[in-house]
N, C-alpha and C. Protein backbone atom coordinates (compact mmCIF):
# COMPACT_ATOMS: atom_id res chain seq x y z
N UNK A 1 49.78 113.93 26.53
CA UNK A 1 49.53 115.23 27.11
C UNK A 1 50.68 115.71 27.98
N UNK A 2 51.37 114.78 28.61
CA UNK A 2 52.45 115.16 29.52
C UNK A 2 53.79 114.97 28.81
N UNK A 3 54.58 116.03 28.75
CA UNK A 3 55.90 115.89 28.13
C UNK A 3 56.81 115.03 28.99
N UNK A 4 57.74 114.34 28.37
CA UNK A 4 58.71 113.51 29.09
C UNK A 4 59.83 114.42 29.59
N UNK A 5 59.68 114.89 30.82
CA UNK A 5 60.66 115.77 31.44
C UNK A 5 61.14 115.14 32.74
N UNK A 6 62.22 115.63 33.27
CA UNK A 6 62.71 115.18 34.57
C UNK A 6 62.07 116.03 35.66
N UNK A 7 60.98 115.52 36.23
CA UNK A 7 60.27 116.25 37.27
C UNK A 7 60.94 116.02 38.62
N UNK A 8 60.86 117.02 39.47
CA UNK A 8 61.38 116.89 40.82
C UNK A 8 60.22 116.51 41.74
N UNK A 9 60.42 115.43 42.47
CA UNK A 9 59.40 114.99 43.42
C UNK A 9 60.16 114.32 44.55
N UNK A 10 59.89 114.69 45.81
CA UNK A 10 60.74 114.23 46.91
C UNK A 10 60.77 112.72 47.13
N UNK A 11 59.68 112.00 46.92
CA UNK A 11 59.72 110.58 47.24
C UNK A 11 59.60 109.65 46.04
N UNK A 12 59.03 110.07 44.95
CA UNK A 12 58.96 109.20 43.76
C UNK A 12 58.69 110.06 42.52
N UNK A 13 59.72 110.44 41.78
CA UNK A 13 59.51 111.28 40.60
C UNK A 13 58.69 110.61 39.51
N UNK A 14 58.52 109.29 39.55
CA UNK A 14 57.77 108.59 38.51
C UNK A 14 56.31 108.98 38.48
N UNK A 15 55.74 109.39 39.62
CA UNK A 15 54.33 109.74 39.60
C UNK A 15 54.07 111.25 39.66
N UNK A 16 55.07 112.05 39.42
CA UNK A 16 54.85 113.50 39.33
C UNK A 16 53.85 113.86 38.23
N UNK A 17 53.87 113.22 37.05
CA UNK A 17 52.85 113.53 36.04
C UNK A 17 51.42 113.24 36.53
N UNK A 18 51.26 112.25 37.42
CA UNK A 18 49.94 111.96 37.97
C UNK A 18 49.41 113.15 38.77
N UNK A 19 50.28 113.80 39.52
CA UNK A 19 49.88 114.99 40.27
C UNK A 19 49.46 116.12 39.32
N UNK A 20 50.18 116.25 38.24
CA UNK A 20 49.86 117.31 37.27
C UNK A 20 48.53 117.02 36.59
N UNK A 21 48.29 115.78 36.19
CA UNK A 21 46.99 115.41 35.61
C UNK A 21 45.86 115.70 36.59
N UNK A 22 46.06 115.33 37.84
CA UNK A 22 45.03 115.55 38.86
C UNK A 22 44.73 117.03 39.03
N UNK A 23 45.75 117.87 38.99
CA UNK A 23 45.52 119.30 39.13
C UNK A 23 44.80 119.87 37.91
N UNK A 24 44.99 119.26 36.74
CA UNK A 24 44.30 119.73 35.53
C UNK A 24 42.83 119.31 35.53
N UNK A 25 42.56 118.09 35.99
CA UNK A 25 41.21 117.54 35.93
C UNK A 25 40.40 117.90 37.17
N UNK A 26 41.03 117.92 38.33
CA UNK A 26 40.33 118.18 39.58
C UNK A 26 40.14 116.90 40.36
N UNK A 27 39.88 117.05 41.64
CA UNK A 27 39.80 115.86 42.49
C UNK A 27 38.44 115.66 43.14
N UNK A 28 37.47 116.53 42.87
CA UNK A 28 36.16 116.34 43.47
C UNK A 28 35.08 116.96 42.60
N UNK A 29 33.86 116.55 42.86
CA UNK A 29 32.73 117.07 42.11
C UNK A 29 31.50 117.07 43.03
N UNK A 30 30.63 118.03 42.85
CA UNK A 30 29.35 118.07 43.55
C UNK A 30 28.25 117.89 42.52
N UNK A 31 27.34 116.97 42.78
CA UNK A 31 26.27 116.66 41.83
C UNK A 31 24.93 116.73 42.55
N UNK A 32 23.98 117.50 42.03
CA UNK A 32 22.67 117.54 42.67
C UNK A 32 21.92 116.22 42.49
N UNK A 33 21.11 115.87 43.50
CA UNK A 33 20.32 114.64 43.49
C UNK A 33 18.88 115.01 43.81
N UNK A 34 17.95 114.39 43.10
CA UNK A 34 16.52 114.61 43.37
C UNK A 34 15.83 113.25 43.41
N UNK A 35 15.15 112.96 44.51
CA UNK A 35 14.47 111.68 44.68
C UNK A 35 15.41 110.50 44.45
N UNK A 36 16.65 110.63 44.92
CA UNK A 36 17.61 109.54 44.80
C UNK A 36 18.25 109.39 43.44
N UNK A 37 17.99 110.31 42.53
CA UNK A 37 18.57 110.23 41.18
C UNK A 37 19.51 111.40 40.94
N UNK A 38 20.64 111.11 40.28
CA UNK A 38 21.58 112.18 39.93
C UNK A 38 20.95 113.08 38.89
N UNK A 39 21.09 114.37 39.06
CA UNK A 39 20.56 115.33 38.08
C UNK A 39 21.68 115.71 37.11
N UNK A 40 21.86 114.89 36.11
CA UNK A 40 22.88 115.12 35.09
C UNK A 40 22.21 115.52 33.78
N UNK A 41 22.91 116.31 32.99
CA UNK A 41 22.41 116.68 31.67
C UNK A 41 22.46 115.49 30.72
N UNK A 42 21.88 115.68 29.55
CA UNK A 42 21.79 114.60 28.55
C UNK A 42 23.14 113.97 28.26
N UNK A 43 24.19 114.77 28.12
CA UNK A 43 25.51 114.25 27.73
C UNK A 43 26.49 114.23 28.90
N UNK A 44 26.01 114.40 30.11
CA UNK A 44 26.89 114.41 31.27
C UNK A 44 26.98 113.03 31.89
N UNK A 45 28.13 112.75 32.50
CA UNK A 45 28.34 111.52 33.25
C UNK A 45 29.43 111.75 34.27
N UNK A 46 29.53 110.87 35.22
CA UNK A 46 30.58 110.94 36.23
C UNK A 46 31.58 109.84 35.91
N UNK A 47 32.86 110.21 35.87
CA UNK A 47 33.92 109.26 35.53
C UNK A 47 34.98 109.31 36.62
N UNK A 48 35.38 108.16 37.11
CA UNK A 48 36.48 108.06 38.07
C UNK A 48 37.73 107.67 37.30
N UNK A 49 38.78 108.48 37.45
CA UNK A 49 40.05 108.20 36.78
C UNK A 49 41.11 108.04 37.87
N UNK A 50 41.78 106.91 37.88
CA UNK A 50 42.83 106.64 38.87
C UNK A 50 44.18 106.75 38.19
N UNK A 51 44.96 107.78 38.55
CA UNK A 51 46.27 107.99 37.93
C UNK A 51 47.38 107.25 38.65
N UNK A 52 47.25 107.05 39.94
CA UNK A 52 48.33 106.47 40.73
C UNK A 52 47.75 105.42 41.67
N UNK A 53 47.38 104.29 41.14
CA UNK A 53 46.71 103.32 42.00
C UNK A 53 46.93 101.91 41.51
N UNK A 54 46.12 100.99 41.90
CA UNK A 54 44.84 101.22 42.60
C UNK A 54 45.05 101.54 44.07
N UNK A 55 44.12 102.33 44.59
CA UNK A 55 44.09 102.70 46.00
C UNK A 55 42.65 102.69 46.47
N UNK A 56 42.49 102.57 47.76
CA UNK A 56 41.15 102.64 48.33
C UNK A 56 40.71 104.10 48.37
N UNK A 57 39.51 104.37 47.91
CA UNK A 57 38.97 105.74 47.89
C UNK A 57 37.68 105.79 48.71
N UNK A 58 37.27 106.99 49.06
CA UNK A 58 36.08 107.18 49.87
C UNK A 58 35.09 108.07 49.13
N UNK A 59 33.84 107.67 49.10
CA UNK A 59 32.78 108.46 48.50
C UNK A 59 31.90 109.00 49.61
N UNK A 60 31.63 110.29 49.60
CA UNK A 60 30.77 110.90 50.61
C UNK A 60 29.49 111.40 49.96
N UNK A 61 28.38 111.05 50.55
CA UNK A 61 27.08 111.54 50.09
C UNK A 61 26.49 112.34 51.25
N UNK A 62 26.21 113.60 50.98
CA UNK A 62 25.70 114.48 52.02
C UNK A 62 24.33 115.00 51.60
N UNK A 63 23.38 114.90 52.48
CA UNK A 63 22.03 115.42 52.20
C UNK A 63 21.96 116.86 52.70
N UNK A 64 21.59 117.75 51.81
CA UNK A 64 21.45 119.17 52.14
C UNK A 64 20.01 119.55 51.87
N UNK A 65 19.34 120.09 52.86
CA UNK A 65 17.95 120.46 52.67
C UNK A 65 17.85 121.72 51.82
N UNK A 66 16.83 121.79 50.95
CA UNK A 66 16.64 122.94 50.06
C UNK A 66 16.10 124.16 50.78
N UNK A 67 16.21 125.28 50.11
CA UNK A 67 15.74 126.54 50.70
C UNK A 67 14.25 126.68 50.60
């Protein structure tokens, strides 16, 4: 998906394609939960993709009361 080009990156040009992949895919998602279960469609799933790692990541779960 990423062409082999000479990317400019101030500290490490080798991982510039990782930044581009991340911008294409996105870096966060919000998923509704009901009774402690994720409300995903039949063919939906959550996938974690690490382009420049491994690194320690943080998962936040926030409870929002309904209207």
